[in-house]
Amino acid sequence: MRVRTALVGVTTLLLSAALAGPALAAGPATGGHSGDGHVATRRAIEAAVRAGVPGVTATAKDAHGTWSTTAGVGDLGTGRPRSTADRYRVGSITKSFVSTVLLQLEAEGRLSLDDTVDTWLPGVVRGHGHDGRRITVRQLLNHTSGIYSYTADDDFGRAYFTKDGFFAHRYDTLTPPDLVAIAMKHKPDFAPGTSWNYSNTNYVVAGMVIEKVTGHSYATEITRRIISPLHLTATSLPGTRVTVPRPSSRAYSKFEDPAGPSYDVTHLNPSIASAAGEMISNSADLDRFYSALLRGKLLPPQQLKEMKTTVKIDGAPNTRYGLGLMDTTLTCGVHVWGHDGGIHGSASSAVTTADGRHALALNFNGDWAGDTNAVINGEFC
């Protein structure tokens, strides 16, 4: 899930603002590697804290081993530093997990990417020009469906993305049908298959398809098919649980005013994100997931090829979108595959090289400043 916008700078969240931040407190590098090969990564992380991000945690894994570092603070009130083991809300990184499950189901012959949404959810995507009979599962996963994103609805924005609205509504429970109904009040963005636009509604519907096909929630299927086999012990789908398991840091937002005060937004009901962005994880788990995915440990070759078949994103010449997976060409020409995600007080990115042998995952515990793409370029370039 993204806060308010679809893709801002594609691999960053919200604003890259040069704001006065807290005093820099860089944590030591840990792991089986001296860290000398990660100097540019650390500099970019420290720059994010100088730009206003309260704190950063990151873990990279490559042929030399695992390297982790932190900078800034995890709690503005106490000054407690961030931990390399911090769990955090990963937002739209959830989409890669949802897509992987649907592709596994395709490999098992239980559905086709070319099935229409109505094949599985008759009448659910209908209204103001939306028609699930003309939209395929593939179009949900690569955001070419044209379905309006419920997070772009003005009333939803006022209720959940403004300061007053958030503190009045942050414990609300919304069901997937509730979220789809919000989108159906609007016209589609375009006719199915004719353009691209990032829509969180696509993945809410995708989660509903998983449940219809399997008889189990998308959370159950992600846990059974991905989290448990890969031993992702820090990864969970909280449902309506409002807290983040420890170890974790506080999460902060400035809402509508990037120059205003910071508010603690750690506690919220993630049902507003559903299959579009409810997950919690940590950097080591995300490295393990994307490495396993790109190395073919989760999908057969044909399904991984489908996932890596990308479409153009207007306004983002260096990034293309596959099925819940982004292909980004960095400043040095290196391609990395992964996803980014944002939800209140949390901005995350996780990427790996095409062979899955060099991975990086990181999190900012603030949603108004910093550039995750600069950290990624530092690591891989």
Protein backbone atom coordinates (compact mmCIF):
# COMPACT_ATOMS: atom_id res chain seq x y z
CA MET A 1 0.00 0.00 0.00
CA ARG A 2 1.14 3.51 -0.68
CA VAL A 3 0.19 6.53 1.34
CA ARG A 4 -2.01 8.75 -0.85
CA THR A 5 -0.03 8.45 -4.08
CA ALA A 6 0.58 5.48 -6.33
CA LEU A 7 4.27 5.57 -7.17
CA VAL A 8 6.21 8.67 -6.21
CA GLY A 9 9.61 8.51 -7.79
CA VAL A 10 8.72 4.82 -8.21
CA THR A 11 11.13 3.52 -5.58
CA THR A 12 10.65 6.25 -3.01
CA LEU A 13 7.71 7.24 -0.87
CA LEU A 14 6.02 10.59 -0.58
CA LEU A 15 8.45 13.48 -0.51
CA SER A 16 12.20 13.74 -0.86
CA ALA A 17 12.50 16.84 1.24
CA ALA A 18 15.67 18.31 2.68
CA LEU A 19 14.41 18.76 6.19
CA ALA A 20 16.33 19.34 9.38
CA GLY A 21 16.54 15.96 11.06
CA PRO A 22 17.66 14.54 14.38
CA ALA A 23 21.31 14.20 15.22
CA LEU A 24 22.93 11.44 13.21
CA ALA A 25 23.59 8.25 15.11
CA ALA A 26 25.01 5.60 12.82
CA GLY A 27 24.98 2.08 14.16
CA PRO A 28 27.87 -0.30 13.62
CA ALA A 29 27.93 -2.65 10.68
CA THR A 30 27.45 -6.27 11.64
CA GLY A 31 27.78 -9.65 9.98
CA GLY A 32 30.48 -11.69 8.31
CA HIS A 33 31.83 -8.91 6.14
CA SER A 34 33.89 -5.88 7.13
CA GLY A 35 31.45 -3.51 5.47
CA ASP A 36 34.14 -1.88 3.33
CA GLY A 37 32.14 -2.82 0.24
CA HIS A 38 29.12 -0.94 1.57
CA VAL A 39 30.62 2.51 2.16
CA ALA A 40 28.35 4.17 -0.42
CA THR A 41 25.33 2.41 1.06
CA ARG A 42 26.12 3.71 4.52
CA ARG A 43 26.68 7.24 3.21
CA ALA A 44 23.28 7.21 1.50
CA ILE A 45 21.64 5.96 4.69
CA GLU A 46 23.31 8.70 6.73
CA ALA A 47 22.19 11.25 4.13
CA ALA A 48 18.60 10.09 4.57
CA VAL A 49 18.82 10.75 8.31
CA ARG A 50 20.32 14.18 7.67
CA ALA A 51 17.38 14.84 5.32
CA GLY A 52 14.92 14.20 8.14
CA VAL A 53 14.28 10.46 8.36
CA PRO A 54 14.24 9.56 12.07
CA GLY A 55 16.02 6.25 11.59
CA VAL A 56 17.06 3.63 9.04
CA THR A 57 17.72 -0.09 9.23
CA ALA A 58 19.19 -2.08 6.35
CA THR A 59 20.58 -5.53 5.60
CA ALA A 60 22.45 -6.63 2.48
CA LYS A 61 23.40 -10.16 1.53
CA ASP A 62 25.96 -11.04 -1.14
CA ALA A 63 28.80 -13.46 -1.89
CA HIS A 64 30.79 -12.06 1.06
CA GLY A 65 28.04 -12.72 3.60
CA THR A 66 25.48 -10.58 5.40
CA TRP A 67 26.00 -6.93 6.26
CA SER A 68 23.60 -4.91 8.42
CA THR A 69 23.63 -1.34 9.63
CA THR A 70 21.43 1.30 11.23
CA ALA A 71 21.41 5.07 11.49
CA GLY A 72 19.32 7.55 13.42
CA VAL A 73 16.83 6.63 16.09
CA GLY A 74 13.98 4.22 16.55
CA ASP A 75 12.25 6.31 19.19
CA LEU A 76 12.30 10.11 19.04
CA GLY A 77 11.18 10.32 22.66
CA THR A 78 13.92 8.21 24.20
CA GLY A 79 16.63 8.41 21.55
CA ARG A 80 16.78 4.62 21.40
CA PRO A 81 18.59 3.59 18.20
CA ARG A 82 17.12 1.42 15.50
CA SER A 83 17.97 -2.29 15.49
CA THR A 84 19.19 -4.35 12.54
CA ALA A 85 16.52 -6.89 13.60
CA ASP A 86 13.67 -4.34 13.59
CA ARG A 87 10.33 -5.54 12.29
CA TYR A 88 8.37 -2.95 10.32
CA ARG A 89 5.30 -2.50 8.18
CA VAL A 90 6.36 -3.22 4.58
CA GLY A 91 3.36 -1.77 2.73
CA SER A 92 3.24 -2.68 -0.95
CA ILE A 93 6.03 -5.24 -0.69
CA THR A 94 3.05 -7.40 0.29
CA LYS A 95 2.10 -7.37 -3.39
CA SER A 96 5.06 -9.55 -4.36
CA PHE A 97 3.90 -12.22 -1.90
CA VAL A 98 0.30 -12.09 -3.15
CA SER A 99 1.42 -12.35 -6.77
CA THR A 100 3.70 -15.29 -5.96
CA VAL A 101 0.78 -17.22 -4.45
CA LEU A 102 -1.41 -16.60 -7.50
CA LEU A 103 1.40 -17.74 -9.81
CA GLN A 104 1.85 -20.87 -7.74
CA LEU A 105 -1.86 -21.53 -8.14
CA GLU A 106 -1.49 -21.09 -11.89
CA ALA A 107 1.41 -23.57 -11.90
CA GLU A 108 -0.88 -26.04 -10.10
CA GLY A 109 -3.52 -25.61 -12.79
CA ARG A 110 -6.02 -24.13 -10.37
CA LEU A 111 -6.45 -20.84 -12.26
CA SER A 112 -5.17 -19.02 -15.31
CA LEU A 113 -3.73 -15.52 -15.44
CA ASP A 114 -6.11 -14.98 -18.34
CA ASP A 115 -9.18 -15.84 -16.25
CA THR A 116 -11.46 -12.87 -15.86
CA VAL A 117 -12.09 -11.48 -12.41
CA ASP A 118 -15.74 -12.46 -12.81
CA THR A 119 -14.72 -16.08 -13.27
CA TRP A 120 -13.90 -16.11 -9.59
CA LEU A 121 -15.70 -13.07 -8.18
CA PRO A 122 -18.86 -12.60 -10.23
CA GLY A 123 -20.30 -9.11 -9.90
CA VAL A 124 -17.71 -7.88 -7.39
CA VAL A 125 -15.93 -5.51 -9.77
CA ARG A 126 -18.93 -3.72 -11.23
CA GLY A 127 -20.09 -0.13 -11.20
CA HIS A 128 -19.51 3.25 -12.87
CA GLY A 129 -17.95 1.53 -15.90
CA HIS A 130 -15.96 -1.11 -14.03
CA ASP A 131 -16.62 -4.59 -15.40
CA GLY A 132 -14.88 -7.65 -13.98
CA ARG A 133 -15.94 -9.61 -17.07
CA ARG A 134 -13.36 -7.61 -19.08
CA ILE A 135 -10.49 -7.64 -16.56
CA THR A 136 -8.05 -10.53 -16.20
CA VAL A 137 -6.06 -11.72 -13.19
CA ARG A 138 -2.89 -10.75 -15.07
CA GLN A 139 -4.17 -7.19 -15.42
CA LEU A 140 -4.77 -7.03 -11.67
CA LEU A 141 -1.20 -8.08 -10.98
CA ASN A 142 0.52 -5.71 -13.44
CA HIS A 143 -1.80 -2.75 -12.80
CA THR A 144 -3.21 -2.58 -16.32
CA SER A 145 -6.80 -3.27 -15.20
CA GLY A 146 -7.87 0.36 -15.04
CA ILE A 147 -9.59 -0.26 -11.68
CA TYR A 148 -9.70 2.91 -9.60
CA SER A 149 -7.49 2.85 -6.50
CA TYR A 150 -9.56 3.15 -3.34
CA THR A 151 -6.69 5.02 -1.67
CA ALA A 152 -7.21 7.87 -4.16
CA ASP A 153 -10.78 8.43 -2.93
CA ASP A 154 -11.04 11.85 -1.26
CA ASP A 155 -13.18 10.66 1.63
CA PHE A 156 -10.80 7.77 2.30
CA GLY A 157 -7.89 10.18 2.19
CA ARG A 158 -9.49 12.54 4.70
CA ALA A 159 -10.32 9.65 7.02
CA TYR A 160 -6.94 7.91 6.98
CA PHE A 161 -4.25 10.20 5.55
CA THR A 162 -4.87 13.46 7.37
CA LYS A 163 -3.80 13.99 10.97
CA ASP A 164 -7.28 14.49 12.38
CA GLY A 165 -8.75 11.70 10.30
CA PHE A 166 -6.02 9.22 11.16
CA PHE A 167 -6.28 9.69 14.90
CA ALA A 168 -10.07 9.40 14.72
CA HIS A 169 -10.08 6.31 12.48
CA ARG A 170 -6.78 4.45 12.84
CA TYR A 171 -8.41 1.52 14.65
CA ASP A 172 -11.23 1.08 12.11
CA THR A 173 -11.68 -2.35 10.55
CA LEU A 174 -12.42 -2.36 6.83
CA THR A 175 -13.08 -5.58 4.91
CA PRO A 176 -11.88 -6.24 1.35
CA PRO A 177 -15.45 -5.78 0.03
CA ASP A 178 -15.55 -2.43 1.84
CA LEU A 179 -12.38 -1.31 0.06
CA VAL A 180 -13.57 -2.50 -3.35
CA ALA A 181 -16.88 -0.72 -2.83
CA ILE A 182 -15.01 2.56 -2.33
CA ALA A 183 -13.29 2.10 -5.69
CA MET A 184 -16.53 1.20 -7.44
CA LYS A 185 -17.95 4.65 -6.63
CA HIS A 186 -15.56 6.04 -9.27
CA LYS A 187 -15.07 5.58 -12.98
CA PRO A 188 -12.21 3.35 -14.14
CA ASP A 189 -8.91 5.05 -14.90
CA PHE A 190 -8.93 3.55 -18.41
CA ALA A 191 -10.24 0.59 -20.38
CA PRO A 192 -8.64 -2.71 -19.28
CA GLY A 193 -5.28 -3.36 -20.92
CA THR A 194 -4.94 0.06 -22.55
CA SER A 195 -2.65 1.80 -20.05
CA TRP A 196 -0.96 1.48 -16.64
CA ASN A 197 -1.80 2.98 -13.28
CA TYR A 198 -0.87 1.77 -9.81
CA SER A 199 -4.05 0.76 -8.00
CA ASN A 200 -4.19 -0.74 -4.54
CA THR A 201 -7.65 -2.06 -5.37
CA ASN A 202 -6.07 -4.51 -7.83
CA TYR A 203 -4.36 -6.39 -5.02
CA VAL A 204 -7.32 -6.30 -2.67
CA VAL A 205 -9.22 -8.08 -5.46
CA ALA A 206 -6.25 -10.42 -6.02
CA GLY A 207 -6.40 -11.41 -2.36
CA MET A 208 -10.10 -12.13 -2.73
CA VAL A 209 -9.36 -14.35 -5.76
CA ILE A 210 -6.87 -16.37 -3.70
CA GLU A 211 -9.53 -16.98 -1.07
CA LYS A 212 -12.12 -18.02 -3.66
CA VAL A 213 -9.73 -20.43 -5.40
CA THR A 214 -8.29 -22.05 -2.28
CA GLY A 215 -11.00 -21.68 0.33
CA HIS A 216 -8.41 -20.03 2.59
CA SER A 217 -7.50 -16.40 3.19
CA TYR A 218 -4.57 -14.92 1.29
CA ALA A 219 -2.83 -14.58 4.68
CA THR A 220 -3.14 -18.32 5.30
CA GLU A 221 -1.86 -19.16 1.83
CA ILE A 222 1.10 -16.75 2.05
CA THR A 223 2.01 -18.22 5.42
CA ARG A 224 1.71 -21.82 4.23
CA ARG A 225 3.38 -21.38 0.87
CA ILE A 226 6.08 -18.77 1.52
CA ILE A 227 6.61 -17.72 5.13
CA SER A 228 6.83 -21.21 6.64
CA PRO A 229 8.93 -22.91 3.91
CA LEU A 230 11.45 -20.06 3.86
CA HIS A 231 11.50 -19.79 7.68
CA LEU A 232 10.66 -16.08 7.57
CA THR A 233 10.37 -15.84 11.34
CA ALA A 234 9.97 -12.05 11.43
CA THR A 235 7.26 -11.94 8.74
CA SER A 236 3.55 -11.87 9.50
CA LEU A 237 0.17 -10.78 8.22
CA PRO A 238 -1.37 -8.98 11.19
CA GLY A 239 -4.95 -8.78 9.94
CA THR A 240 -6.53 -6.35 12.41
CA ARG A 241 -3.75 -6.42 15.03
CA VAL A 242 -2.70 -2.82 15.64
CA THR A 243 0.78 -3.38 17.11
CA VAL A 244 4.11 -4.33 15.53
CA PRO A 245 5.91 -7.31 17.12
CA ARG A 246 9.21 -6.63 18.87
CA PRO A 247 11.97 -5.91 18.18
CA SER A 248 10.63 -2.84 16.40
CA SER A 249 10.89 0.92 16.36
CA ARG A 250 8.29 3.64 16.47
CA ALA A 251 6.90 4.93 13.17
CA TYR A 252 6.38 8.63 12.45
CA SER A 253 4.40 10.78 10.02
CA LYS A 254 4.02 14.48 9.33
CA PHE A 255 0.79 13.90 7.37
CA GLU A 256 -0.03 16.90 5.16
CA ASP A 257 2.79 19.16 6.37
CA PRO A 258 6.36 17.94 5.70
CA ALA A 259 7.67 20.94 7.66
CA GLY A 260 5.38 20.35 10.63
CA PRO A 261 5.71 18.22 13.76
CA SER A 262 6.18 14.46 13.70
CA TYR A 263 3.41 12.22 15.03
CA ASP A 264 3.75 8.68 16.33
CA VAL A 265 1.65 6.48 14.03
CA THR A 266 3.03 3.10 15.08
CA HIS A 267 -0.34 1.71 16.08
CA LEU A 268 -2.94 1.30 13.34
CA ASN A 269 -5.35 -1.30 12.05
CA PRO A 270 -3.76 -2.54 8.80
CA SER A 271 -7.04 -3.83 7.42
CA ILE A 272 -7.14 -0.53 5.50
CA ALA A 273 -4.28 -2.00 3.44
CA SER A 274 -5.46 -5.61 3.16
CA ALA A 275 -3.67 -7.66 0.47
CA ALA A 276 -2.34 -4.42 -1.00
CA GLY A 277 -0.03 -3.77 1.93
CA GLU A 278 -0.71 -5.19 5.41
CA MET A 279 2.44 -7.26 5.97
CA ILE A 280 5.14 -6.87 8.62
CA SER A 281 8.68 -8.16 8.10
CA ASN A 282 12.33 -7.31 8.65
CA SER A 283 15.24 -6.73 6.30
CA ALA A 284 16.81 -10.19 6.61
CA ASP A 285 13.52 -11.91 5.81
CA LEU A 286 12.89 -9.68 2.80
CA ASP A 287 16.38 -10.42 1.45
CA ARG A 288 15.67 -14.14 1.84
CA PHE A 289 12.29 -13.89 0.12
CA TYR A 290 13.41 -11.97 -2.96
CA SER A 291 16.59 -14.04 -3.31
CA ALA A 292 14.55 -17.25 -3.20
CA LEU A 293 12.01 -15.83 -5.64
CA LEU A 294 14.54 -14.74 -8.26
CA ARG A 295 16.53 -17.97 -7.90
CA GLY A 296 13.46 -19.99 -8.83
CA LYS A 297 12.85 -21.55 -5.43
CA LEU A 298 9.22 -20.40 -5.21
CA LEU A 299 8.01 -20.58 -8.81
CA PRO A 300 8.59 -22.87 -11.80
CA PRO A 301 10.48 -21.24 -14.72
CA GLN A 302 7.34 -20.45 -16.72
CA GLN A 303 5.65 -18.64 -13.85
CA LEU A 304 8.80 -16.74 -12.93
CA LYS A 305 9.05 -15.67 -16.57
CA GLU A 306 5.45 -14.43 -16.39
CA MET A 307 6.23 -12.52 -13.21
CA LYS A 308 9.23 -10.87 -14.87
CA THR A 309 7.30 -9.90 -18.02
CA THR A 310 7.04 -6.15 -17.54
CA VAL A 311 5.05 -3.22 -18.84
CA LYS A 312 6.07 0.40 -19.22
CA ILE A 313 5.41 2.92 -16.47
CA ASP A 314 4.77 6.39 -17.87
CA GLY A 315 7.05 8.95 -16.27
CA ALA A 316 9.44 6.33 -14.93
CA PRO A 317 11.84 5.49 -17.77
CA ASN A 318 14.14 3.40 -15.57
CA THR A 319 11.47 1.16 -14.03
CA ARG A 320 9.06 -1.37 -15.50
CA TYR A 321 6.35 -3.32 -13.68
CA GLY A 322 5.83 -7.06 -13.87
CA LEU A 323 3.42 -9.13 -11.80
CA GLY A 324 3.93 -7.66 -8.34
CA LEU A 325 7.60 -7.19 -9.17
CA MET A 326 9.49 -4.12 -10.40
CA ASP A 327 12.53 -4.14 -12.69
CA THR A 328 14.64 -1.03 -12.07
CA THR A 329 17.73 -0.03 -14.04
CA LEU A 330 20.08 1.79 -11.69
CA THR A 331 22.34 4.71 -12.56
CA CYS A 332 25.21 2.31 -13.32
CA GLY A 333 23.11 0.09 -15.58
CA VAL A 334 22.59 -2.73 -13.08
CA HIS A 335 19.09 -4.24 -13.04
CA VAL A 336 17.48 -5.00 -9.69
CA TRP A 337 14.19 -6.74 -9.08
CA GLY A 338 11.92 -6.16 -6.11
CA HIS A 339 9.34 -3.77 -4.75
CA ASP A 340 8.97 -0.82 -2.47
CA GLY A 341 6.23 -0.04 -0.03
CA GLY A 342 4.86 2.67 2.15
CA ILE A 343 2.28 2.91 4.87
CA HIS A 344 1.89 5.43 7.67
CA GLY A 345 5.31 6.14 9.17
CA SER A 346 7.13 3.51 7.17
CA ALA A 347 8.94 3.53 3.82
CA SER A 348 10.65 0.34 2.69
CA SER A 349 12.46 -1.08 -0.33
CA ALA A 350 13.70 -4.60 -1.04
CA VAL A 351 15.56 -5.60 -4.18
CA THR A 352 17.88 -8.27 -5.53
CA THR A 353 19.94 -8.86 -8.64
CA ALA A 354 18.43 -11.09 -11.33
CA ASP A 355 20.39 -14.11 -10.09
CA GLY A 356 19.16 -13.56 -6.54
CA ARG A 357 22.70 -13.52 -5.16
CA HIS A 358 22.94 -9.89 -4.04
CA ALA A 359 20.00 -8.50 -2.07
CA LEU A 360 19.24 -5.38 -0.04
CA ALA A 361 16.27 -4.46 2.12
CA LEU A 362 15.83 -1.28 4.11
CA ASN A 363 13.28 0.73 6.06
CA PHE A 364 12.81 4.37 7.01
CA ASN A 365 10.63 4.90 10.10
CA GLY A 366 9.30 8.19 8.72
CA ASP A 367 7.23 8.85 5.60
CA TRP A 368 8.14 12.39 4.57
CA ALA A 369 11.83 12.50 3.67
CA GLY A 370 14.76 10.50 2.37
CA ASP A 371 15.47 8.58 -0.81
CA THR A 372 15.50 4.78 -0.72
CA ASN A 373 16.63 4.74 -4.35
CA ALA A 374 19.85 6.52 -3.38
CA VAL A 375 20.59 3.75 -0.88
CA ILE A 376 19.94 1.09 -3.52
CA ASN A 377 22.23 2.82 -5.99
CA GLY A 378 24.87 3.07 -3.26
CA GLU A 379 24.73 -0.68 -2.66
CA PHE A 380 24.68 -1.94 -6.24
CA CYS A 381 26.66 0.77 -8.07
